[in-house]
PDB file of N, CA and C in Angstrom:
ATOM      1  N   MET A   1    -152.328  88.370 -35.154  1.00  0.00           N
ATOM      2  CA  MET A   1    -152.653  87.338 -34.200  1.00  0.00           C
ATOM      3  C   MET A   1    -152.437  87.875 -32.779  1.00  0.00           C
ATOM      4  N   ARG A   2    -153.303  87.509 -31.901  1.00  0.00           N
ATOM      5  CA  ARG A   2    -153.272  87.973 -30.528  1.00  0.00           C
ATOM      6  C   ARG A   2    -152.301  87.127 -29.702  1.00  0.00           C
ATOM      7  N   ARG A   3    -151.394  87.781 -29.005  1.00  0.00           N
ATOM      8  CA  ARG A   3    -150.423  87.069 -28.189  1.00  0.00           C
ATOM      9  C   ARG A   3    -150.985  86.870 -26.791  1.00  0.00           C
ATOM     10  N   SER A   4    -150.586  85.765 -26.158  1.00  0.00           N
ATOM     11  CA  SER A   4    -151.065  85.502 -24.809  1.00  0.00           C
ATOM     12  C   SER A   4    -150.037  84.719 -24.003  1.00  0.00           C
ATOM     13  N   VAL A   5    -150.110  84.895 -22.685  1.00  0.00           N
ATOM     14  CA  VAL A   5    -149.281  84.168 -21.736  1.00  0.00           C
ATOM     15  C   VAL A   5    -150.237  83.532 -20.741  1.00  0.00           C
ATOM     16  N   HIS A   6    -150.093  82.226 -20.505  1.00  0.00           N
ATOM     17  CA  HIS A   6    -150.996  81.496 -19.625  1.00  0.00           C
ATOM     18  C   HIS A   6    -150.246  80.937 -18.420  1.00  0.00           C
ATOM     19  N   VAL A   7    -150.916  80.932 -17.267  1.00  0.00           N
ATOM     20  CA  VAL A   7    -150.426  80.224 -16.093  1.00  0.00           C
ATOM     21  C   VAL A   7    -151.355  79.028 -15.919  1.00  0.00           C
ATOM     22  N   THR A   8    -150.789  77.812 -16.023  1.00  0.00           N
ATOM     23  CA  THR A   8    -151.598  76.597 -15.956  1.00  0.00           C
ATOM     24  C   THR A   8    -151.007  75.616 -14.949  1.00  0.00           C
ATOM     25  N   TYR A   9    -151.859  74.721 -14.465  1.00  0.00           N
ATOM     26  CA  TYR A   9    -151.446  73.709 -13.493  1.00  0.00           C
ATOM     27  C   TYR A   9    -151.392  72.338 -14.157  1.00  0.00           C
ATOM     28  N   HIS A  10    -150.339  71.575 -13.864  1.00  0.00           N
ATOM     29  CA  HIS A  10    -150.200  70.221 -14.383  1.00  0.00           C
ATOM     30  C   HIS A  10    -150.306  69.247 -13.219  1.00  0.00           C
ATOM     31  N   LYS A  11    -151.329  68.422 -13.272  1.00  0.00           N
ATOM     32  CA  LYS A  11    -151.567  67.463 -12.185  1.00  0.00           C
ATOM     33  C   LYS A  11    -150.486  66.395 -12.099  1.00  0.00           C
ATOM     34  N   THR A  12    -149.850  66.081 -13.217  1.00  0.00           N
ATOM     35  CA  THR A  12    -148.867  64.997 -13.247  1.00  0.00           C
ATOM     36  C   THR A  12    -147.671  65.269 -12.334  1.00  0.00           C
ATOM     37  N   ASP A  13    -147.154  66.491 -12.366  1.00  0.00           N
ATOM     38  CA  ASP A  13    -146.007  66.812 -11.520  1.00  0.00           C
ATOM     39  C   ASP A  13    -146.329  67.857 -10.446  1.00  0.00           C
ATOM     40  N   LYS A  14    -147.611  68.257 -10.375  1.00  0.00           N
ATOM     41  CA  LYS A  14    -148.088  69.218  -9.360  1.00  0.00           C
ATOM     42  C   LYS A  14    -147.297  70.523  -9.389  1.00  0.00           C
ATOM     43  N   LYS A  15    -147.093  71.036 -10.597  1.00  0.00           N
ATOM     44  CA  LYS A  15    -146.370  72.294 -10.792  1.00  0.00           C
ATOM     45  C   LYS A  15    -147.220  73.263 -11.598  1.00  0.00           C
ATOM     46  N   TRP A  16    -146.919  74.544 -11.441  1.00  0.00           N
ATOM     47  CA  TRP A  16    -147.560  75.616 -12.200  1.00  0.00           C
ATOM     48  C   TRP A  16    -146.626  76.017 -13.328  1.00  0.00           C
ATOM     49  N   TYR A  17    -147.171  76.127 -14.543  1.00  0.00           N
ATOM     50  CA  TYR A  17    -146.381  76.440 -15.727  1.00  0.00           C
ATOM     51  C   TYR A  17    -146.777  77.792 -16.308  1.00  0.00           C
ATOM     52  N   VAL A  18    -145.790  78.499 -16.816  1.00  0.00           N
ATOM     53  CA  VAL A  18    -146.024  79.711 -17.600  1.00  0.00           C
ATOM     54  C   VAL A  18    -145.828  79.293 -19.048  1.00  0.00           C
ATOM     55  N   VAL A  19    -146.886  79.479 -19.857  1.00  0.00           N
ATOM     56  CA  VAL A  19    -146.883  78.981 -21.232  1.00  0.00           C
ATOM     57  C   VAL A  19    -147.169  80.128 -22.194  1.00  0.00           C
ATOM     58  N   ASN A  20    -146.378  80.186 -23.264  1.00  0.00           N
ATOM     59  CA  ASN A  20    -146.626  81.138 -24.339  1.00  0.00           C
ATOM     60  C   ASN A  20    -147.771  80.577 -25.177  1.00  0.00           C
ATOM     61  N   GLY A  21    -148.865  81.324 -25.276  1.00  0.00           N
ATOM     62  CA  GLY A  21    -150.050  80.835 -25.966  1.00  0.00           C
ATOM     63  C   GLY A  21    -149.863  80.570 -27.443  1.00  0.00           C
ATOM     64  N   ASP A  22    -148.973  81.299 -28.098  1.00  0.00           N
ATOM     65  CA  ASP A  22    -148.754  81.120 -29.533  1.00  0.00           C
ATOM     66  C   ASP A  22    -148.053  79.800 -29.845  1.00  0.00           C
ATOM     67  N   SER A  23    -147.021  79.484 -29.096  1.00  0.00           N
ATOM     68  CA  SER A  23    -146.222  78.298 -29.416  1.00  0.00           C
ATOM     69  C   SER A  23    -146.504  77.125 -28.485  1.00  0.00           C
ATOM     70  N   LYS A  24    -147.254  77.347 -27.430  1.00  0.00           N
ATOM     71  CA  LYS A  24    -147.573  76.305 -26.434  1.00  0.00           C
ATOM     72  C   LYS A  24    -146.324  75.777 -25.733  1.00  0.00           C
ATOM     73  N   LYS A  25    -145.211  76.512 -25.839  1.00  0.00           N
ATOM     74  CA  LYS A  25    -143.978  76.095 -25.172  1.00  0.00           C
ATOM     75  C   LYS A  25    -143.943  76.688 -23.769  1.00  0.00           C
ATOM     76  N   SER A  26    -143.479  75.889 -22.836  1.00  0.00           N
ATOM     77  CA  SER A  26    -143.376  76.322 -21.459  1.00  0.00           C
ATOM     78  C   SER A  26    -142.205  77.287 -21.297  1.00  0.00           C
ATOM     79  N   LYS A  27    -142.452  78.361 -20.567  1.00  0.00           N
ATOM     80  CA  LYS A  27    -141.402  79.335 -20.270  1.00  0.00           C
ATOM     81  C   LYS A  27    -140.818  79.095 -18.886  1.00  0.00           C
ATOM     82  N   GLY A  28    -141.359  78.118 -18.164  1.00  0.00           N
ATOM     83  CA  GLY A  28    -140.845  77.791 -16.840  1.00  0.00           C
ATOM     84  C   GLY A  28    -141.903  77.107 -16.009  1.00  0.00           C
ATOM     85  N   ASN A  29    -141.462  76.409 -14.951  1.00  0.00           N
ATOM     86  CA  ASN A  29    -142.417  75.800 -14.044  1.00  0.00           C
ATOM     87  C   ASN A  29    -142.082  76.194 -12.605  1.00  0.00           C
ATOM     88  N   TYR A  30    -143.101  76.252 -11.779  1.00  0.00           N
ATOM     89  CA  TYR A  30    -142.971  76.776 -10.426  1.00  0.00           C
ATOM     90  C   TYR A  30    -143.764  75.926  -9.448  1.00  0.00           C
ATOM     91  N   ASP A  31    -143.332  75.928  -8.203  1.00  0.00           N
ATOM     92  CA  ASP A  31    -144.023  75.170  -7.166  1.00  0.00           C
ATOM     93  C   ASP A  31    -145.335  75.818  -6.743  1.00  0.00           C
ATOM     94  N   THR A  32    -145.418  77.152  -6.836  1.00  0.00           N
ATOM     95  CA  THR A  32    -146.640  77.847  -6.421  1.00  0.00           C
ATOM     96  C   THR A  32    -147.205  78.670  -7.571  1.00  0.00           C
ATOM     97  N   GLN A  33    -148.513  78.878  -7.515  1.00  0.00           N
ATOM     98  CA  GLN A  33    -149.171  79.700  -8.528  1.00  0.00           C
ATOM     99  C   GLN A  33    -148.684  81.143  -8.430  1.00  0.00           C
ATOM    100  N   LYS A  34    -148.436  81.605  -7.226  1.00  0.00           N
ATOM    101  CA  LYS A  34    -147.987  82.984  -7.023  1.00  0.00           C
ATOM    102  C   LYS A  34    -146.671  83.260  -7.749  1.00  0.00           C
ATOM    103  N   GLU A  35    -145.724  82.322  -7.656  1.00  0.00           N
ATOM    104  CA  GLU A  35    -144.444  82.472  -8.355  1.00  0.00           C
ATOM    105  C   GLU A  35    -144.646  82.503  -9.865  1.00  0.00           C
ATOM    106  N   ALA A  36    -145.489  81.607 -10.369  1.00  0.00           N
ATOM    107  CA  ALA A  36    -145.763  81.547 -11.805  1.00  0.00           C
ATOM    108  C   ALA A  36    -146.442  82.822 -12.283  1.00  0.00           C
ATOM    109  N   MET A  37    -147.367  83.344 -11.477  1.00  0.00           N
ATOM    110  CA  MET A  37    -148.071  84.573 -11.841  1.00  0.00           C
ATOM    111  C   MET A  37    -147.111  85.748 -11.918  1.00  0.00           C
ATOM    112  N   LYS A  38    -146.175  85.817 -10.999  1.00  0.00           N
ATOM    113  CA  LYS A  38    -145.209  86.922 -10.981  1.00  0.00           C
ATOM    114  C   LYS A  38    -144.393  86.947 -12.276  1.00  0.00           C
ATOM    115  N   TYR A  39    -143.871  85.785 -12.666  1.00  0.00           N
ATOM    116  CA  TYR A  39    -143.089  85.723 -13.897  1.00  0.00           C
ATOM    117  C   TYR A  39    -143.975  85.920 -15.129  1.00  0.00           C
ATOM    118  N   GLY A  40    -145.140  85.287 -15.140  1.00  0.00           N
ATOM    119  CA  GLY A  40    -146.047  85.390 -16.281  1.00  0.00           C
ATOM    120  C   GLY A  40    -146.509  86.815 -16.539  1.00  0.00           C
ATOM    121  N   ARG A  41    -146.828  87.538 -15.474  1.00  0.00           N
ATOM    122  CA  ARG A  41    -147.265  88.935 -15.612  1.00  0.00           C
ATOM    123  C   ARG A  41    -146.140  89.784 -16.203  1.00  0.00           C
ATOM    124  N   LYS A  42    -144.919  89.573 -15.707  1.00  0.00           N
ATOM    125  CA  LYS A  42    -143.762  90.314 -16.223  1.00  0.00           C
ATOM    126  C   LYS A  42    -143.575  90.033 -17.716  1.00  0.00           C
ATOM    127  N   LEU A  43    -143.663  88.768 -18.090  1.00  0.00           N
ATOM    128  CA  LEU A  43    -143.512  88.374 -19.492  1.00  0.00           C
ATOM    129  C   LEU A  43    -144.613  88.989 -20.363  1.00  0.00           C
ATOM    130  N   ALA A  44    -145.849  88.982 -19.883  1.00  0.00           N
ATOM    131  CA  ALA A  44    -146.964  89.560 -20.639  1.00  0.00           C
ATOM    132  C   ALA A  44    -146.787  91.063 -20.830  1.00  0.00           C
ATOM    133  N   MET A  45    -146.303  91.744 -19.798  1.00  0.00           N
ATOM    134  CA  MET A  45    -146.066  93.192 -19.917  1.00  0.00           C
ATOM    135  C   MET A  45    -144.966  93.488 -20.931  1.00  0.00           C
ATOM    136  N   GLU A  46    -143.893  92.712 -20.884  1.00  0.00           N
ATOM    137  CA  GLU A  46    -142.766  92.923 -21.796  1.00  0.00           C
ATOM    138  C   GLU A  46    -143.147  92.675 -23.258  1.00  0.00           C
ATOM    139  N   THR A  47    -144.065  91.754 -23.484  1.00  0.00           N
ATOM    140  CA  THR A  47    -144.437  91.394 -24.852  1.00  0.00           C
ATOM    141  C   THR A  47    -145.788  91.976 -25.277  1.00  0.00           C
ATOM    142  N   SER A  48    -146.367  92.856 -24.439  1.00  0.00           N
ATOM    143  CA  SER A  48    -147.671  93.479 -24.718  1.00  0.00           C
ATOM    144  C   SER A  48    -148.712  92.416 -25.081  1.00  0.00           C
ATOM    145  N   SER A  49    -148.861  91.451 -24.197  1.00  0.00           N
ATOM    146  CA  SER A  49    -149.738  90.308 -24.445  1.00  0.00           C
ATOM    147  C   SER A  49    -150.901  90.275 -23.463  1.00  0.00           C
ATOM    148  N   GLU A  50    -151.822  89.357 -23.731  1.00  0.00           N
ATOM    149  CA  GLU A  50    -152.892  89.089 -22.791  1.00  0.00           C
ATOM    150  C   GLU A  50    -152.367  88.069 -21.780  1.00  0.00           C
ATOM    151  N   PHE A  51    -152.710  88.253 -20.502  1.00  0.00           N
ATOM    152  CA  PHE A  51    -152.243  87.382 -19.426  1.00  0.00           C
ATOM    153  C   PHE A  51    -153.441  86.637 -18.857  1.00  0.00           C
ATOM    154  N   LEU A  52    -153.411  85.300 -18.930  1.00  0.00           N
ATOM    155  CA  LEU A  52    -154.528  84.479 -18.472  1.00  0.00           C
ATOM    156  C   LEU A  52    -154.073  83.545 -17.358  1.00  0.00           C
ATOM    157  N   ILE A  53    -154.807  83.566 -16.249  1.00  0.00           N
ATOM    158  CA  ILE A  53    -154.497  82.713 -15.115  1.00  0.00           C
ATOM    159  C   ILE A  53    -155.576  81.650 -15.013  1.00  0.00           C
ATOM    160  N   HIS A  54    -155.158  80.391 -15.065  1.00  0.00           N
ATOM    161  CA  HIS A  54    -156.076  79.267 -14.977  1.00  0.00           C
ATOM    162  C   HIS A  54    -156.039  78.688 -13.571  1.00  0.00           C
ATOM    163  N   GLY A  55    -157.162  78.170 -13.109  1.00  0.00           N
ATOM    164  CA  GLY A  55    -157.214  77.465 -11.838  1.00  0.00           C
ATOM    165  C   GLY A  55    -156.764  76.021 -12.028  1.00  0.00           C
ATOM    166  N   LYS A  56    -156.748  75.272 -10.931  1.00  0.00           N
ATOM    167  CA  LYS A  56    -156.347  73.864 -11.016  1.00  0.00           C
ATOM    168  C   LYS A  56    -157.288  73.055 -11.894  1.00  0.00           C
ATOM    169  N   ASP A  57    -158.531  73.528 -12.022  1.00  0.00           N
ATOM    170  CA  ASP A  57    -159.508  72.829 -12.863  1.00  0.00           C
ATOM    171  C   ASP A  57    -159.367  73.168 -14.346  1.00  0.00           C
ATOM    172  N   GLY A  58    -158.466  74.086 -14.677  1.00  0.00           N
ATOM    173  CA  GLY A  58    -158.218  74.454 -16.067  1.00  0.00           C
ATOM    174  C   GLY A  58    -159.028  75.643 -16.556  1.00  0.00           C
ATOM    175  N   LYS A  59    -160.032  76.062 -15.779  1.00  0.00           N
ATOM    176  CA  LYS A  59    -160.854  77.199 -16.178  1.00  0.00           C
ATOM    177  C   LYS A  59    -160.098  78.505 -15.932  1.00  0.00           C
ATOM    178  N   ILE A  60    -160.361  79.489 -16.793  1.00  0.00           N
ATOM    179  CA  ILE A  60    -159.706  80.790 -16.652  1.00  0.00           C
ATOM    180  C   ILE A  60    -160.295  81.517 -15.449  1.00  0.00           C
ATOM    181  N   ARG A  61    -159.431  81.890 -14.518  1.00  0.00           N
ATOM    182  CA  ARG A  61    -159.845  82.625 -13.321  1.00  0.00           C
ATOM    183  C   ARG A  61    -159.771  84.128 -13.543  1.00  0.00           C
ATOM    184  N   LEU A  62    -158.756  84.555 -14.294  1.00  0.00           N
ATOM    185  CA  LEU A  62    -158.524  85.983 -14.484  1.00  0.00           C
ATOM    186  C   LEU A  62    -157.826  86.199 -15.814  1.00  0.00           C
ATOM    187  N   ALA A  63    -158.227  87.244 -16.517  1.00  0.00           N
ATOM    188  CA  ALA A  63    -157.578  87.606 -17.777  1.00  0.00           C
ATOM    189  C   ALA A  63    -157.285  89.098 -17.759  1.00  0.00           C
ATOM    190  N   THR A  64    -156.050  89.453 -18.055  1.00  0.00           N
ATOM    191  CA  THR A  64    -155.624  90.847 -18.072  1.00  0.00           C
ATOM    192  C   THR A  64    -154.913  91.122 -19.388  1.00  0.00           C
ATOM    193  N   SER A  65    -155.221  92.251 -20.002  1.00  0.00           N
ATOM    194  CA  SER A  65    -154.594  92.609 -21.267  1.00  0.00           C
ATOM    195  C   SER A  65    -153.554  93.698 -21.038  1.00  0.00           C
ATOM    196  N   TYR A  66    -152.346  93.449 -21.496  1.00  0.00           N
ATOM    197  CA  TYR A  66    -151.283  94.447 -21.431  1.00  0.00           C
ATOM    198  C   TYR A  66    -150.930  94.959 -22.822  1.00  0.00           C
ATOM    199  N   GLY A  67    -151.733  94.624 -23.802  1.00  0.00           N
ATOM    200  CA  GLY A  67    -151.468  95.033 -25.178  1.00  0.00           C
ATOM    201  C   GLY A  67    -152.402  96.134 -25.613  1.00  0.00           C
ATOM    202  N   ASN A  68    -152.611  96.229 -26.915  1.00  0.00           N
ATOM    203  CA  ASN A  68    -153.513  97.217 -27.484  1.00  0.00           C
ATOM    204  C   ASN A  68    -154.945  96.774 -27.258  1.00  0.00           C
ATOM    205  N   ASP A  69    -155.646  97.450 -26.390  1.00  0.00           N
ATOM    206  CA  ASP A  69    -157.018  97.109 -26.075  1.00  0.00           C
ATOM    207  C   ASP A  69    -157.950  97.987 -26.901  1.00  0.00           C
ATOM    208  N   PRO A  70    -158.863  97.393 -27.643  1.00  0.00           N
ATOM    209  CA  PRO A  70    -159.756  98.188 -28.491  1.00  0.00           C
ATOM    210  C   PRO A  70    -160.691  99.089 -27.694  1.00  0.00           C
ATOM    211  N   ARG A  71    -160.854  98.844 -26.404  1.00  0.00           N
ATOM    212  CA  ARG A  71    -161.727  99.681 -25.585  1.00  0.00           C
ATOM    213  C   ARG A  71    -161.045 100.953 -25.112  1.00  0.00           C
ATOM    214  N   GLY A  72    -159.753 101.110 -25.422  1.00  0.00           N
ATOM    215  CA  GLY A  72    -159.091 102.379 -25.150  1.00  0.00           C
ATOM    216  C   GLY A  72    -158.219 102.427 -23.914  1.00  0.00           C
ATOM    217  N   SER A  73    -158.370 101.540 -22.952  1.00  0.00           N
ATOM    218  CA  SER A  73    -157.519 101.596 -21.773  1.00  0.00           C
ATOM    219  C   SER A  73    -156.284 100.747 -22.008  1.00  0.00           C
ATOM    220  N   LYS A  74    -155.207 101.056 -21.297  1.00  0.00           N
ATOM    221  CA  LYS A  74    -153.962 100.336 -21.483  1.00  0.00           C
ATOM    222  C   LYS A  74    -153.989  98.973 -20.822  1.00  0.00           C
ATOM    223  N   GLN A  75    -154.723  98.842 -19.731  1.00  0.00           N
ATOM    224  CA  GLN A  75    -154.798  97.560 -19.038  1.00  0.00           C
ATOM    225  C   GLN A  75    -156.241  97.285 -18.667  1.00  0.00           C
ATOM    226  N   THR A  76    -156.730  96.128 -19.028  1.00  0.00           N
ATOM    227  CA  THR A  76    -158.078  95.740 -18.646  1.00  0.00           C
ATOM    228  C   THR A  76    -158.016  94.390 -17.962  1.00  0.00           C
ATOM    229  N   THR A  77    -158.926  94.177 -17.052  1.00  0.00           N
ATOM    230  CA  THR A  77    -158.967  92.926 -16.317  1.00  0.00           C
ATOM    231  C   THR A  77    -160.366  92.369 -16.378  1.00  0.00           C
ATOM    232  N   ARG A  78    -160.457  91.062 -16.646  1.00  0.00           N
ATOM    233  CA  ARG A  78    -161.740  90.377 -16.642  1.00  0.00           C
ATOM    234  C   ARG A  78    -161.622  89.194 -15.703  1.00  0.00           C
ATOM    235  N   SER A  79    -162.643  88.980 -14.940  1.00  0.00           N
ATOM    236  CA  SER A  79    -162.692  87.777 -14.117  1.00  0.00           C
ATOM    237  C   SER A  79    -164.121  87.299 -14.068  1.00  0.00           C
ATOM    238  N   LYS A  80    -164.325  86.100 -13.558  1.00  0.00           N
ATOM    239  CA  LYS A  80    -165.674  85.559 -13.535  1.00  0.00           C
ATOM    240  C   LYS A  80    -166.585  86.345 -12.602  1.00  0.00           C
ATOM    241  N   ASN A  81    -166.028  87.070 -11.644  1.00  0.00           N
ATOM    242  CA  ASN A  81    -166.827  87.843 -10.699  1.00  0.00           C
ATOM    243  C   ASN A  81    -166.915  89.321 -11.067  1.00  0.00           C
ATOM    244  N   ASN A  82    -166.352  89.706 -12.186  1.00  0.00           N
ATOM    245  CA  ASN A  82    -166.292  91.107 -12.578  1.00  0.00           C
ATOM    246  C   ASN A  82    -167.680  91.732 -12.745  1.00  0.00           C
ATOM    247  N   LYS A  83    -168.637  91.023 -13.360  1.00  0.00           N
ATOM    248  CA  LYS A  83    -169.974  91.571 -13.564  1.00  0.00           C
ATOM    249  C   LYS A  83    -170.686  91.763 -12.241  1.00  0.00           C
ATOM    250  N   GLN A  84    -170.517  90.820 -11.308  1.00  0.00           N
ATOM    251  CA  GLN A  84    -171.161  90.936 -10.008  1.00  0.00           C
ATOM    252  C   GLN A  84    -170.627  92.142  -9.241  1.00  0.00           C
ATOM    253  N   SER A  85    -169.311  92.339  -9.240  1.00  0.00           N
ATOM    254  CA  SER A  85    -168.740  93.462  -8.502  1.00  0.00           C
ATOM    255  C   SER A  85    -169.150  94.789  -9.131  1.00  0.00           C
ATOM    256  N   GLN A  86    -169.304  94.830 -10.463  1.00  0.00           N
ATOM    257  CA  GLN A  86    -169.735  96.061 -11.103  1.00  0.00           C
ATOM    258  C   GLN A  86    -171.184  96.370 -10.742  1.00  0.00           C
ATOM    259  N   ARG A  87    -172.025  95.337 -10.670  1.00  0.00           N
ATOM    260  CA  ARG A  87    -173.410  95.547 -10.261  1.00  0.00           C
ATOM    261  C   ARG A  87    -173.477  96.104  -8.844  1.00  0.00           C
ATOM    262  N   LYS A  88    -172.640  95.589  -7.956  1.00  0.00           N
ATOM    263  CA  LYS A  88    -172.596  96.070  -6.585  1.00  0.00           C
ATOM    264  C   LYS A  88    -172.194  97.530  -6.529  1.00  0.00           C
ATOM    265  N   ARG A  89    -171.194  97.910  -7.330  1.00  0.00           N
ATOM    266  CA  ARG A  89    -170.742  99.311  -7.354  1.00  0.00           C
ATOM    267  C   ARG A  89    -171.851 100.213  -7.879  1.00  0.00           C
ATOM    268  N   ASN A  90    -172.528  99.791  -8.933  1.00  0.00           N
ATOM    269  CA  ASN A  90    -173.587 100.601  -9.510  1.00  0.00           C
ATOM    270  C   ASN A  90    -174.764 100.755  -8.542  1.00  0.00           C
ATOM    271  N   SER A  91    -175.103  99.701  -7.825  1.00  0.00           N
ATOM    272  CA  SER A  91    -176.237  99.782  -6.899  1.00  0.00           C
ATOM    273  C   SER A  91    -175.895 100.618  -5.685  1.00  0.00           C
ATOM    274  N   SER A  92    -174.624 100.695  -5.281  1.00  0.00           N
ATOM    275  CA  SER A  92    -174.254 101.500  -4.127  1.00  0.00           C
ATOM    276  C   SER A  92    -174.228 102.994  -4.453  1.00  0.00           C
ATOM    277  N   LYS A  93    -174.170 103.347  -5.747  1.00  0.00           N
ATOM    278  CA  LYS A  93    -174.161 104.752  -6.151  1.00  0.00           C
ATOM    279  C   LYS A  93    -175.546 105.365  -6.067  1.00  0.00           C
ATOM    280  N   LYS A  94    -176.575 104.531  -6.090  1.00  0.00           N
ATOM    281  CA  LYS A  94    -177.961 105.046  -6.105  1.00  0.00           C
ATOM    282  C   LYS A  94    -178.404 105.568  -4.775  1.00  0.00           C
TER     283      LYS A  94
END
């Protein structure tokens, strides 16, 4: 089973939570997304997990893998703008 750590926003108390994806238990709550991301990234690295950052709307903004990636690299990052930035890099090489 794939392990994951999520940073999510709760509108009820206006806090950012770091959540273990397997158990859905909160590992802590923070006033800012930046604070939650700092702890969440550390936790994902320690547990060789995937790290997912959600926006206030609940959609995934960024996903980073710190575990065994089948593509061969130790760390991979995906974001909604990743394909656009890669197209820009490829077109600038021509």
